[in-house]
Amino acid sequence: MPKPSPSDIADAALRALNEWTGPTQGVSWFNLPDWEKARCEAAKKALLAAVAHPGVPEDILLRIARECRFRPVRKALAAKASSEGLLHTLAQDSDFSVRMAVSANPHSTEAVLWTTLSSEGKSDRAVNATIQALSARFPPLNAQETLSRVKGMAVHADGKAIALGHLMRWMDASVRGELLQMLIPDREPGFRWAAAGWVRSIEDIAALTDDPNENVRHELCIHHRNGHEALLAHLALDTPIARLWPEDPATLGRLAYVLCAWLGDEVPKHLSAWLDAWAAHSCTWHEKQDFLMSVQELVETAKPDGKGFLVVTDGKRTLRILLPCRPGIRGSFSRIAP
């Protein structure tokens, strides 16, 4: 029996794409009738044959990449493809195992790998595999190029932040330090969150800048994943809180929220009302400004005592907040009566 020609194999693959659209959505493979299982297996066999044959035209392979319902077929195609156009299409596949096969393919160019990275979303495993491939095969980008590439990714902010966090893992320390200084004042919260994942202590923050009053340190801790405790790590400085963010009422509001919550019943009723509205995200911009003006005096009293504590007083009671002082130590709260 003569071997099928490339055109015969391509025709069989096209018939498989045109005639078999897959089982009804939601129907398990085990519930399919035998005749449909047989059609499924025949279609998959024809498509795999087309993927494996070197003589099948690229336009047929592109159709398979875009239209094929079988993940094993698309994965096999991603593993053997050598055309940048084909790899670029597969880099945007909805299945992460196909994208991982693209990352592992030695023919994937830098542009293809960045396209793959843009498609990963929140899949940590696939993101890391792609970044490892980028780091192993191509010269490292500088901080500015890295940030520009990540900002250009066609993915939501959380996906960008996750990709950025993984990229920083493989960076040279000096490049990472430069990137951190660019990220911290960035207006996209996800980037600041990603940067915060690399800062574990006051010493880490101080290493970013020689200027003890640089806003770069304080902005970072506000978005640290450790929450309220890390919110106050910046206060190791001899600077009143309110002077640190004169143009950032949202940051000042978060700090005021924490301080007022710890003062508990001692918070005046009109402040409690603003606090509740703030927590429920139901107050307007003007109401937030009123709230901030009301707590401004309270916030301005918060200063470090030089012994590792932040001291806040409203004239009736004192709030002492222990600051994290070395790697691995998180801050904690303690209230001391007057």
C-alpha atoms as a PDB file:
ATOM      1  CA  MET A   1       0.000   0.000   0.000  1.00  0.00           C
ATOM      2  CA  PRO A   2       1.574   3.314  -1.091  1.00  0.00           C
ATOM      3  CA  LYS A   3       2.401   5.903   1.547  1.00  0.00           C
ATOM      4  CA  PRO A   4       0.031   8.879   1.594  1.00  0.00           C
ATOM      5  CA  SER A   5       1.428  12.054   0.053  1.00  0.00           C
ATOM      6  CA  PRO A   6       1.653  15.328   1.997  1.00  0.00           C
ATOM      7  CA  SER A   7      -1.407  16.591   0.112  1.00  0.00           C
ATOM      8  CA  ASP A   8      -3.380  13.462   1.077  1.00  0.00           C
ATOM      9  CA  ILE A   9      -2.429  13.965   4.720  1.00  0.00           C
ATOM     10  CA  ALA A  10      -3.340  17.662   4.531  1.00  0.00           C
ATOM     11  CA  ASP A  11      -6.722  16.848   2.929  1.00  0.00           C
ATOM     12  CA  ALA A  12      -7.471  14.302   5.658  1.00  0.00           C
ATOM     13  CA  ALA A  13      -6.605  16.877   8.315  1.00  0.00           C
ATOM     14  CA  LEU A  14      -8.888  19.472   6.704  1.00  0.00           C
ATOM     15  CA  ARG A  15     -11.743  16.966   6.566  1.00  0.00           C
ATOM     16  CA  ALA A  16     -11.191  16.245  10.248  1.00  0.00           C
ATOM     17  CA  LEU A  17     -11.371  19.965  11.035  1.00  0.00           C
ATOM     18  CA  ASN A  18     -14.445  20.538   8.872  1.00  0.00           C
ATOM     19  CA  GLU A  19     -16.467  17.438   9.724  1.00  0.00           C
ATOM     20  CA  TRP A  20     -15.763  16.844  13.400  1.00  0.00           C
ATOM     21  CA  THR A  21     -16.648  19.748  15.661  1.00  0.00           C
ATOM     22  CA  GLY A  22     -16.354  17.784  18.892  1.00  0.00           C
ATOM     23  CA  PRO A  23     -18.912  16.378  21.321  1.00  0.00           C
ATOM     24  CA  THR A  24     -21.745  18.480  22.687  1.00  0.00           C
ATOM     25  CA  GLN A  25     -20.427  20.893  25.291  1.00  0.00           C
ATOM     26  CA  GLY A  26     -20.709  19.485  28.801  1.00  0.00           C
ATOM     27  CA  VAL A  27     -20.968  15.865  27.645  1.00  0.00           C
ATOM     28  CA  SER A  28     -18.340  13.591  29.176  1.00  0.00           C
ATOM     29  CA  TRP A  29     -16.146  11.458  26.926  1.00  0.00           C
ATOM     30  CA  PHE A  30     -17.361   8.399  28.829  1.00  0.00           C
ATOM     31  CA  ASN A  31     -20.968   9.181  27.908  1.00  0.00           C
ATOM     32  CA  LEU A  32     -20.321   9.444  24.178  1.00  0.00           C
ATOM     33  CA  PRO A  33     -21.731   6.703  21.949  1.00  0.00           C
ATOM     34  CA  ASP A  34     -19.170   4.364  20.406  1.00  0.00           C
ATOM     35  CA  TRP A  35     -19.661   5.737  16.901  1.00  0.00           C
ATOM     36  CA  GLU A  36     -18.798   9.279  18.062  1.00  0.00           C
ATOM     37  CA  LYS A  37     -15.749   8.039  19.968  1.00  0.00           C
ATOM     38  CA  ALA A  38     -14.582   6.342  16.770  1.00  0.00           C
ATOM     39  CA  ARG A  39     -15.026   9.584  14.772  1.00  0.00           C
ATOM     40  CA  CYS A  40     -13.136  11.458  17.450  1.00  0.00           C
ATOM     41  CA  GLU A  41     -10.188   9.058  17.382  1.00  0.00           C
ATOM     42  CA  ALA A  42     -10.085   9.057  13.574  1.00  0.00           C
ATOM     43  CA  ALA A  43     -10.059  12.872  13.471  1.00  0.00           C
ATOM     44  CA  LYS A  44      -7.325  13.074  16.102  1.00  0.00           C
ATOM     45  CA  LYS A  45      -5.218  10.516  14.213  1.00  0.00           C
ATOM     46  CA  ALA A  46      -5.537  12.475  10.954  1.00  0.00           C
ATOM     47  CA  LEU A  47      -4.571  15.740  12.642  1.00  0.00           C
ATOM     48  CA  LEU A  48      -1.579  14.216  14.448  1.00  0.00           C
ATOM     49  CA  ALA A  49      -0.391  12.759  11.138  1.00  0.00           C
ATOM     50  CA  ALA A  50      -0.516  16.231   9.584  1.00  0.00           C
ATOM     51  CA  VAL A  51       1.425  17.709  12.499  1.00  0.00           C
ATOM     52  CA  ALA A  52       4.112  15.021  12.278  1.00  0.00           C
ATOM     53  CA  HIS A  53       4.620  15.177   8.486  1.00  0.00           C
ATOM     54  CA  PRO A  54       7.261  17.702   7.348  1.00  0.00           C
ATOM     55  CA  GLY A  55       5.616  18.240   3.959  1.00  0.00           C
ATOM     56  CA  VAL A  56       2.248  19.591   5.137  1.00  0.00           C
ATOM     57  CA  PRO A  57       1.856  23.275   4.113  1.00  0.00           C
ATOM     58  CA  GLU A  58       2.035  25.906   6.854  1.00  0.00           C
ATOM     59  CA  ASP A  59      -1.419  27.311   6.092  1.00  0.00           C
ATOM     60  CA  ILE A  60      -2.906  23.907   7.000  1.00  0.00           C
ATOM     61  CA  LEU A  61      -0.905  23.834  10.242  1.00  0.00           C
ATOM     62  CA  LEU A  62      -2.094  27.367  11.044  1.00  0.00           C
ATOM     63  CA  ARG A  63      -5.702  26.232  10.656  1.00  0.00           C
ATOM     64  CA  ILE A  64      -5.001  23.313  12.976  1.00  0.00           C
ATOM     65  CA  ALA A  65      -3.439  25.693  15.515  1.00  0.00           C
ATOM     66  CA  ARG A  66      -6.496  27.965  15.423  1.00  0.00           C
ATOM     67  CA  GLU A  67      -9.356  25.500  15.025  1.00  0.00           C
ATOM     68  CA  CYS A  68      -8.325  22.116  16.413  1.00  0.00           C
ATOM     69  CA  ARG A  69     -10.308  21.018  19.470  1.00  0.00           C
ATOM     70  CA  PHE A  70      -7.749  18.420  20.562  1.00  0.00           C
ATOM     71  CA  ARG A  71      -5.258  19.716  23.097  1.00  0.00           C
ATOM     72  CA  PRO A  72      -2.731  16.873  22.441  1.00  0.00           C
ATOM     73  CA  VAL A  73      -2.658  17.865  18.761  1.00  0.00           C
ATOM     74  CA  ARG A  74      -2.031  21.557  19.487  1.00  0.00           C
ATOM     75  CA  LYS A  75       0.572  20.607  22.096  1.00  0.00           C
ATOM     76  CA  ALA A  76       2.397  18.355  19.598  1.00  0.00           C
ATOM     77  CA  LEU A  77       2.307  21.151  17.039  1.00  0.00           C
ATOM     78  CA  ALA A  78       3.718  23.641  19.570  1.00  0.00           C
ATOM     79  CA  ALA A  79       6.579  21.267  20.356  1.00  0.00           C
ATOM     80  CA  LYS A  80       7.704  20.757  16.728  1.00  0.00           C
ATOM     81  CA  ALA A  81       6.793  24.021  14.984  1.00  0.00           C
ATOM     82  CA  SER A  82       9.671  26.066  13.571  1.00  0.00           C
ATOM     83  CA  SER A  83       7.766  28.912  11.906  1.00  0.00           C
ATOM     84  CA  GLU A  84       7.544  32.137  13.932  1.00  0.00           C
ATOM     85  CA  GLY A  85       4.019  32.820  12.645  1.00  0.00           C
ATOM     86  CA  LEU A  86       2.833  29.388  13.758  1.00  0.00           C
ATOM     87  CA  LEU A  87       4.538  29.677  17.138  1.00  0.00           C
ATOM     88  CA  HIS A  88       3.091  33.168  17.609  1.00  0.00           C
ATOM     89  CA  THR A  89      -0.418  31.769  17.076  1.00  0.00           C
ATOM     90  CA  LEU A  90       0.158  28.882  19.495  1.00  0.00           C
ATOM     91  CA  ALA A  91       1.677  31.269  22.049  1.00  0.00           C
ATOM     92  CA  GLN A  92      -1.835  32.717  22.430  1.00  0.00           C
ATOM     93  CA  ASP A  93      -3.497  29.331  22.945  1.00  0.00           C
ATOM     94  CA  SER A  94      -6.090  29.122  25.709  1.00  0.00           C
ATOM     95  CA  ASP A  95      -4.433  26.053  27.273  1.00  0.00           C
ATOM     96  CA  PHE A  96      -1.374  26.630  29.447  1.00  0.00           C
ATOM     97  CA  SER A  97       0.209  23.255  28.535  1.00  0.00           C
ATOM     98  CA  VAL A  98       0.275  24.322  24.872  1.00  0.00           C
ATOM     99  CA  ARG A  99       1.891  27.639  25.834  1.00  0.00           C
ATOM    100  CA  MET A 100       4.456  25.775  27.950  1.00  0.00           C
ATOM    101  CA  ALA A 101       5.304  23.650  24.894  1.00  0.00           C
ATOM    102  CA  VAL A 102       5.875  26.881  22.955  1.00  0.00           C
ATOM    103  CA  SER A 103       8.228  28.110  25.710  1.00  0.00           C
ATOM    104  CA  ALA A 104      10.180  24.849  25.564  1.00  0.00           C
ATOM    105  CA  ASN A 105      10.463  24.925  21.759  1.00  0.00           C
ATOM    106  CA  PRO A 106      14.043  25.966  20.823  1.00  0.00           C
ATOM    107  CA  HIS A 107      12.724  27.765  17.725  1.00  0.00           C
ATOM    108  CA  SER A 108      10.673  30.228  19.804  1.00  0.00           C
ATOM    109  CA  THR A 109      12.040  33.732  19.306  1.00  0.00           C
ATOM    110  CA  GLU A 110      12.186  36.420  21.973  1.00  0.00           C
ATOM    111  CA  ALA A 111       9.057  38.036  20.503  1.00  0.00           C
ATOM    112  CA  VAL A 112       7.194  34.707  20.631  1.00  0.00           C
ATOM    113  CA  LEU A 113       8.152  34.170  24.272  1.00  0.00           C
ATOM    114  CA  TRP A 114       6.935  37.644  25.213  1.00  0.00           C
ATOM    115  CA  THR A 115       3.655  36.880  23.420  1.00  0.00           C
ATOM    116  CA  THR A 116       3.432  33.669  25.462  1.00  0.00           C
ATOM    117  CA  LEU A 117       4.057  35.642  28.634  1.00  0.00           C
ATOM    118  CA  SER A 118       1.250  38.049  27.721  1.00  0.00           C
ATOM    119  CA  SER A 119      -1.148  35.107  27.429  1.00  0.00           C
ATOM    120  CA  GLU A 120      -0.376  33.511  30.775  1.00  0.00           C
ATOM    121  CA  GLY A 121      -2.598  35.561  33.054  1.00  0.00           C
ATOM    122  CA  LYS A 122      -2.290  34.178  36.568  1.00  0.00           C
ATOM    123  CA  SER A 123      -0.809  30.762  35.731  1.00  0.00           C
ATOM    124  CA  ASP A 124       2.289  30.889  37.941  1.00  0.00           C
ATOM    125  CA  ARG A 125       3.800  27.690  36.553  1.00  0.00           C
ATOM    126  CA  ALA A 126       3.523  28.732  32.923  1.00  0.00           C
ATOM    127  CA  VAL A 127       4.769  32.261  33.629  1.00  0.00           C
ATOM    128  CA  ASN A 128       7.867  30.909  35.338  1.00  0.00           C
ATOM    129  CA  ALA A 129       8.571  28.418  32.523  1.00  0.00           C
ATOM    130  CA  THR A 130       8.403  31.198  29.935  1.00  0.00           C
ATOM    131  CA  ILE A 131      10.648  33.525  31.928  1.00  0.00           C
ATOM    132  CA  GLN A 132      13.194  30.752  32.458  1.00  0.00           C
ATOM    133  CA  ALA A 133      13.292  30.253  28.685  1.00  0.00           C
ATOM    134  CA  LEU A 134      13.750  34.001  28.132  1.00  0.00           C
ATOM    135  CA  SER A 135      16.549  34.170  30.712  1.00  0.00           C
ATOM    136  CA  ALA A 136      18.361  31.122  29.330  1.00  0.00           C
ATOM    137  CA  ARG A 137      18.275  31.995  25.622  1.00  0.00           C
ATOM    138  CA  PHE A 138      18.415  35.767  25.301  1.00  0.00           C
ATOM    139  CA  PRO A 139      20.531  38.594  26.739  1.00  0.00           C
ATOM    140  CA  PRO A 140      18.954  40.196  29.819  1.00  0.00           C
ATOM    141  CA  LEU A 141      17.012  43.419  29.334  1.00  0.00           C
ATOM    142  CA  ASN A 142      17.792  46.502  31.359  1.00  0.00           C
ATOM    143  CA  ALA A 143      15.260  47.832  33.867  1.00  0.00           C
ATOM    144  CA  GLN A 144      13.648  50.342  31.484  1.00  0.00           C
ATOM    145  CA  GLU A 145      13.255  47.801  28.664  1.00  0.00           C
ATOM    146  CA  THR A 146      11.778  45.253  31.067  1.00  0.00           C
ATOM    147  CA  LEU A 147       9.209  47.713  32.383  1.00  0.00           C
ATOM    148  CA  SER A 148       8.275  48.828  28.861  1.00  0.00           C
ATOM    149  CA  ARG A 149       7.800  45.225  27.712  1.00  0.00           C
ATOM    150  CA  VAL A 150       5.648  44.340  30.723  1.00  0.00           C
ATOM    151  CA  LYS A 151       3.503  47.452  30.336  1.00  0.00           C
ATOM    152  CA  GLY A 152       2.970  46.520  26.704  1.00  0.00           C
ATOM    153  CA  MET A 153       1.683  43.042  27.545  1.00  0.00           C
ATOM    154  CA  ALA A 154      -1.901  42.402  26.465  1.00  0.00           C
ATOM    155  CA  VAL A 155      -2.968  41.192  29.885  1.00  0.00           C
ATOM    156  CA  HIS A 156      -4.745  42.557  32.956  1.00  0.00           C
ATOM    157  CA  ALA A 157      -2.854  44.406  35.708  1.00  0.00           C
ATOM    158  CA  ASP A 158      -2.630  41.374  38.018  1.00  0.00           C
ATOM    159  CA  GLY A 159      -1.078  39.310  35.233  1.00  0.00           C
ATOM    160  CA  LYS A 160       1.494  42.036  34.598  1.00  0.00           C
ATOM    161  CA  ALA A 161       2.370  42.162  38.295  1.00  0.00           C
ATOM    162  CA  ILE A 162       2.813  38.378  38.470  1.00  0.00           C
ATOM    163  CA  ALA A 163       5.004  38.368  35.358  1.00  0.00           C
ATOM    164  CA  LEU A 164       7.049  41.214  36.783  1.00  0.00           C
ATOM    165  CA  GLY A 165       7.569  39.385  40.064  1.00  0.00           C
ATOM    166  CA  HIS A 166       8.874  36.317  38.218  1.00  0.00           C
ATOM    167  CA  LEU A 167      11.092  38.413  35.963  1.00  0.00           C
ATOM    168  CA  MET A 168      12.678  40.019  39.018  1.00  0.00           C
ATOM    169  CA  ARG A 169      13.559  36.576  40.359  1.00  0.00           C
ATOM    170  CA  TRP A 170      15.879  35.964  37.406  1.00  0.00           C
ATOM    171  CA  MET A 171      17.387  39.437  37.264  1.00  0.00           C
ATOM    172  CA  ASP A 172      20.807  40.526  38.327  1.00  0.00           C
ATOM    173  CA  ALA A 173      20.533  42.216  41.733  1.00  0.00           C
ATOM    174  CA  SER A 174      21.685  45.587  40.404  1.00  0.00           C
ATOM    175  CA  VAL A 175      19.057  45.565  37.635  1.00  0.00           C
ATOM    176  CA  ARG A 176      16.394  44.521  40.135  1.00  0.00           C
ATOM    177  CA  GLY A 177      17.344  47.404  42.434  1.00  0.00           C
ATOM    178  CA  GLU A 178      17.068  49.854  39.554  1.00  0.00           C
ATOM    179  CA  LEU A 179      13.705  48.413  38.544  1.00  0.00           C
ATOM    180  CA  LEU A 180      12.397  48.649  42.116  1.00  0.00           C
ATOM    181  CA  GLN A 181      13.113  52.360  42.182  1.00  0.00           C
ATOM    182  CA  MET A 182      11.119  52.740  38.962  1.00  0.00           C
ATOM    183  CA  LEU A 183       8.222  50.606  40.194  1.00  0.00           C
ATOM    184  CA  ILE A 184       7.593  52.076  43.606  1.00  0.00           C
ATOM    185  CA  PRO A 185       6.393  55.517  42.471  1.00  0.00           C
ATOM    186  CA  ASP A 186       4.473  53.960  39.550  1.00  0.00           C
ATOM    187  CA  ARG A 187       0.753  54.700  39.625  1.00  0.00           C
ATOM    188  CA  GLU A 188      -0.290  51.132  38.803  1.00  0.00           C
ATOM    189  CA  PRO A 189      -0.959  49.407  42.177  1.00  0.00           C
ATOM    190  CA  GLY A 190      -0.151  45.956  40.828  1.00  0.00           C
ATOM    191  CA  PHE A 191       3.400  47.023  40.027  1.00  0.00           C
ATOM    192  CA  ARG A 192       3.910  48.391  43.511  1.00  0.00           C
ATOM    193  CA  TRP A 193       2.523  45.149  44.901  1.00  0.00           C
ATOM    194  CA  ALA A 194       5.005  43.149  42.811  1.00  0.00           C
ATOM    195  CA  ALA A 195       7.843  45.362  43.992  1.00  0.00           C
ATOM    196  CA  ALA A 196       6.740  44.990  47.593  1.00  0.00           C
ATOM    197  CA  GLY A 197       7.180  41.245  47.325  1.00  0.00           C
ATOM    198  CA  TRP A 198      10.918  41.858  47.065  1.00  0.00           C
ATOM    199  CA  VAL A 199      11.177  44.004  50.184  1.00  0.00           C
ATOM    200  CA  ARG A 200      11.291  42.160  53.473  1.00  0.00           C
ATOM    201  CA  SER A 201      12.642  44.694  55.962  1.00  0.00           C
ATOM    202  CA  ILE A 202      13.562  48.280  56.612  1.00  0.00           C
ATOM    203  CA  GLU A 203      17.116  47.409  55.610  1.00  0.00           C
ATOM    204  CA  ASP A 204      15.885  46.269  52.199  1.00  0.00           C
ATOM    205  CA  ILE A 205      14.017  49.524  51.728  1.00  0.00           C
ATOM    206  CA  ALA A 206      16.942  51.636  52.890  1.00  0.00           C
ATOM    207  CA  ALA A 207      19.184  49.886  50.365  1.00  0.00           C
ATOM    208  CA  LEU A 208      17.137  51.397  47.550  1.00  0.00           C
ATOM    209  CA  THR A 209      18.139  54.982  48.216  1.00  0.00           C
ATOM    210  CA  ASP A 210      20.620  57.094  50.140  1.00  0.00           C
ATOM    211  CA  ASP A 211      18.074  59.819  50.828  1.00  0.00           C
ATOM    212  CA  PRO A 212      16.428  59.122  54.218  1.00  0.00           C
ATOM    213  CA  ASN A 213      13.373  61.194  53.285  1.00  0.00           C
ATOM    214  CA  GLU A 214      12.868  59.632  49.864  1.00  0.00           C
ATOM    215  CA  ASN A 215       9.166  58.869  49.297  1.00  0.00           C
ATOM    216  CA  VAL A 216      10.249  55.730  47.469  1.00  0.00           C
ATOM    217  CA  ARG A 217      10.559  53.797  50.736  1.00  0.00           C
ATOM    218  CA  HIS A 218       7.263  54.811  52.242  1.00  0.00           C
ATOM    219  CA  GLU A 219       5.145  54.328  49.142  1.00  0.00           C
ATOM    220  CA  LEU A 220       6.388  50.761  48.841  1.00  0.00           C
ATOM    221  CA  CYS A 221       5.316  49.550  52.244  1.00  0.00           C
ATOM    222  CA  ILE A 222       1.779  50.816  51.821  1.00  0.00           C
ATOM    223  CA  HIS A 223       1.257  48.143  49.162  1.00  0.00           C
ATOM    224  CA  HIS A 224       3.163  45.346  50.856  1.00  0.00           C
ATOM    225  CA  ARG A 225       1.353  41.995  50.879  1.00  0.00           C
ATOM    226  CA  ASN A 226       1.763  41.679  54.663  1.00  0.00           C
ATOM    227  CA  GLY A 227      -1.010  44.215  55.120  1.00  0.00           C
ATOM    228  CA  HIS A 228      -1.428  46.627  57.996  1.00  0.00           C
ATOM    229  CA  GLU A 229       1.717  45.569  59.813  1.00  0.00           C
ATOM    230  CA  ALA A 230       3.940  46.307  56.853  1.00  0.00           C
ATOM    231  CA  LEU A 231       1.936  49.478  56.263  1.00  0.00           C
ATOM    232  CA  LEU A 232       3.965  51.055  59.055  1.00  0.00           C
ATOM    233  CA  ALA A 233       7.456  49.819  58.229  1.00  0.00           C
ATOM    234  CA  HIS A 234       8.370  53.166  56.712  1.00  0.00           C
ATOM    235  CA  LEU A 235       7.993  54.905  60.057  1.00  0.00           C
ATOM    236  CA  ALA A 236      11.523  54.141  61.163  1.00  0.00           C
ATOM    237  CA  LEU A 237      12.282  57.632  59.885  1.00  0.00           C
ATOM    238  CA  ASP A 238      12.287  60.849  61.893  1.00  0.00           C
ATOM    239  CA  THR A 239       9.602  62.367  59.727  1.00  0.00           C
ATOM    240  CA  PRO A 240       5.980  63.123  60.739  1.00  0.00           C
ATOM    241  CA  ILE A 241       3.647  60.895  58.752  1.00  0.00           C
ATOM    242  CA  ALA A 242       1.568  63.635  57.179  1.00  0.00           C
ATOM    243  CA  ARG A 243       4.631  65.200  55.557  1.00  0.00           C
ATOM    244  CA  LEU A 244       5.468  62.034  53.668  1.00  0.00           C
ATOM    245  CA  TRP A 245       2.513  62.093  51.259  1.00  0.00           C
ATOM    246  CA  PRO A 246       1.322  65.682  50.909  1.00  0.00           C
ATOM    247  CA  GLU A 247      -0.240  64.828  47.530  1.00  0.00           C
ATOM    248  CA  ASP A 248      -1.446  61.314  48.270  1.00  0.00           C
ATOM    249  CA  PRO A 249      -4.667  61.498  50.324  1.00  0.00           C
ATOM    250  CA  ALA A 250      -5.494  57.845  49.641  1.00  0.00           C
ATOM    251  CA  THR A 251      -2.311  56.709  51.379  1.00  0.00           C
ATOM    252  CA  LEU A 252      -2.901  59.102  54.253  1.00  0.00           C
ATOM    253  CA  GLY A 253      -6.448  57.792  54.487  1.00  0.00           C
ATOM    254  CA  ARG A 254      -5.315  54.180  54.786  1.00  0.00           C
ATOM    255  CA  LEU A 255      -2.975  55.097  57.604  1.00  0.00           C
ATOM    256  CA  ALA A 256      -5.683  57.138  59.307  1.00  0.00           C
ATOM    257  CA  TYR A 257      -8.057  54.195  58.941  1.00  0.00           C
ATOM    258  CA  VAL A 258      -5.628  51.889  60.744  1.00  0.00           C
ATOM    259  CA  LEU A 259      -4.930  54.385  63.512  1.00  0.00           C
ATOM    260  CA  CYS A 260      -8.607  55.148  64.083  1.00  0.00           C
ATOM    261  CA  ALA A 261      -9.514  51.468  64.088  1.00  0.00           C
ATOM    262  CA  TRP A 262      -6.972  50.875  66.849  1.00  0.00           C
ATOM    263  CA  LEU A 263      -8.288  53.782  68.887  1.00  0.00           C
ATOM    264  CA  GLY A 264     -11.639  52.005  68.796  1.00  0.00           C
ATOM    265  CA  ASP A 265     -14.385  53.517  70.939  1.00  0.00           C
ATOM    266  CA  GLU A 266     -12.338  56.638  71.521  1.00  0.00           C
ATOM    267  CA  VAL A 267     -12.829  57.741  67.919  1.00  0.00           C
ATOM    268  CA  PRO A 268     -15.340  60.628  67.868  1.00  0.00           C
ATOM    269  CA  LYS A 269     -18.724  59.742  66.396  1.00  0.00           C
ATOM    270  CA  HIS A 270     -18.353  61.929  63.315  1.00  0.00           C
ATOM    271  CA  LEU A 271     -15.041  60.204  62.534  1.00  0.00           C
ATOM    272  CA  SER A 272     -16.620  56.787  63.048  1.00  0.00           C
ATOM    273  CA  ALA A 273     -19.254  57.638  60.457  1.00  0.00           C
ATOM    274  CA  TRP A 274     -16.603  58.615  57.911  1.00  0.00           C
ATOM    275  CA  LEU A 275     -14.653  55.497  58.798  1.00  0.00           C
ATOM    276  CA  ASP A 276     -17.635  53.207  58.191  1.00  0.00           C
ATOM    277  CA  ALA A 277     -18.399  54.900  54.880  1.00  0.00           C
ATOM    278  CA  TRP A 278     -14.756  54.623  53.823  1.00  0.00           C
ATOM    279  CA  ALA A 279     -14.666  50.928  54.677  1.00  0.00           C
ATOM    280  CA  ALA A 280     -17.852  50.349  52.673  1.00  0.00           C
ATOM    281  CA  HIS A 281     -16.458  52.322  49.704  1.00  0.00           C
ATOM    282  CA  SER A 282     -19.631  54.386  49.794  1.00  0.00           C
ATOM    283  CA  CYS A 283     -18.272  57.866  50.447  1.00  0.00           C
ATOM    284  CA  THR A 284     -17.566  60.420  47.748  1.00  0.00           C
ATOM    285  CA  TRP A 285     -14.249  62.060  46.981  1.00  0.00           C
ATOM    286  CA  HIS A 286     -15.319  65.198  48.868  1.00  0.00           C
ATOM    287  CA  GLU A 287     -16.382  63.144  51.881  1.00  0.00           C
ATOM    288  CA  LYS A 288     -12.981  61.482  51.896  1.00  0.00           C
ATOM    289  CA  GLN A 289     -11.336  64.889  51.914  1.00  0.00           C
ATOM    290  CA  ASP A 290     -13.496  65.910  54.885  1.00  0.00           C
ATOM    291  CA  PHE A 291     -12.496  62.736  56.684  1.00  0.00           C
ATOM    292  CA  LEU A 292      -8.818  63.352  56.014  1.00  0.00           C
ATOM    293  CA  MET A 293      -9.056  66.902  57.284  1.00  0.00           C
ATOM    294  CA  SER A 294     -10.699  65.566  60.453  1.00  0.00           C
ATOM    295  CA  VAL A 295      -7.931  63.079  61.174  1.00  0.00           C
ATOM    296  CA  GLN A 296      -5.064  65.245  59.944  1.00  0.00           C
ATOM    297  CA  GLU A 297      -4.207  66.481  63.420  1.00  0.00           C
ATOM    298  CA  LEU A 298      -4.286  62.941  64.823  1.00  0.00           C
ATOM    299  CA  VAL A 299      -2.055  61.617  62.041  1.00  0.00           C
ATOM    300  CA  GLU A 300       0.438  64.439  62.438  1.00  0.00           C
ATOM    301  CA  THR A 301       1.076  63.416  66.038  1.00  0.00           C
ATOM    302  CA  ALA A 302       2.463  60.008  65.023  1.00  0.00           C
ATOM    303  CA  LYS A 303       6.247  59.973  65.362  1.00  0.00           C
ATOM    304  CA  PRO A 304       8.929  57.344  66.016  1.00  0.00           C
ATOM    305  CA  ASP A 305      10.279  57.299  69.571  1.00  0.00           C
ATOM    306  CA  GLY A 306      13.772  56.176  68.554  1.00  0.00           C
ATOM    307  CA  LYS A 307      13.318  52.829  70.312  1.00  0.00           C
ATOM    308  CA  GLY A 308      11.623  50.930  67.528  1.00  0.00           C
ATOM    309  CA  PHE A 309       8.082  52.128  68.286  1.00  0.00           C
ATOM    310  CA  LEU A 310       5.751  54.513  66.523  1.00  0.00           C
ATOM    311  CA  VAL A 311       3.863  56.591  69.071  1.00  0.00           C
ATOM    312  CA  VAL A 312       0.421  58.034  68.320  1.00  0.00           C
ATOM    313  CA  THR A 313      -1.648  60.012  70.781  1.00  0.00           C
ATOM    314  CA  ASP A 314      -5.002  61.765  70.646  1.00  0.00           C
ATOM    315  CA  GLY A 315      -4.478  63.482  73.994  1.00  0.00           C
ATOM    316  CA  LYS A 316      -6.332  60.779  75.893  1.00  0.00           C
ATOM    317  CA  ARG A 317      -4.544  57.583  75.087  1.00  0.00           C
ATOM    318  CA  THR A 318      -1.359  56.460  73.413  1.00  0.00           C
ATOM    319  CA  LEU A 319      -0.957  53.909  70.664  1.00  0.00           C
ATOM    320  CA  ARG A 320       2.513  52.342  70.393  1.00  0.00           C
ATOM    321  CA  ILE A 321       3.236  50.350  67.248  1.00  0.00           C
ATOM    322  CA  LEU A 322       6.248  48.055  67.111  1.00  0.00           C
ATOM    323  CA  LEU A 323       8.143  48.472  63.860  1.00  0.00           C
ATOM    324  CA  PRO A 324       9.760  45.533  62.019  1.00  0.00           C
ATOM    325  CA  CYS A 325      13.490  45.996  62.472  1.00  0.00           C
ATOM    326  CA  ARG A 326      15.212  43.050  60.779  1.00  0.00           C
ATOM    327  CA  PRO A 327      14.481  40.511  58.023  1.00  0.00           C
ATOM    328  CA  GLY A 328      11.785  38.017  58.916  1.00  0.00           C
ATOM    329  CA  ILE A 329      10.352  40.107  61.774  1.00  0.00           C
ATOM    330  CA  ARG A 330       6.921  41.567  61.151  1.00  0.00           C
ATOM    331  CA  GLY A 331       5.536  44.531  63.039  1.00  0.00           C
ATOM    332  CA  SER A 332       2.887  44.102  65.713  1.00  0.00           C
ATOM    333  CA  PHE A 333       0.466  46.345  67.556  1.00  0.00           C
ATOM    334  CA  SER A 334       0.178  47.031  71.279  1.00  0.00           C
ATOM    335  CA  ARG A 335      -2.009  49.598  73.031  1.00  0.00           C
ATOM    336  CA  ILE A 336      -0.861  51.262  76.221  1.00  0.00           C
ATOM    337  CA  ALA A 337      -3.200  53.261  78.411  1.00  0.00           C
ATOM    338  CA  PRO A 338      -2.119  56.807  79.329  1.00  0.00           C
END
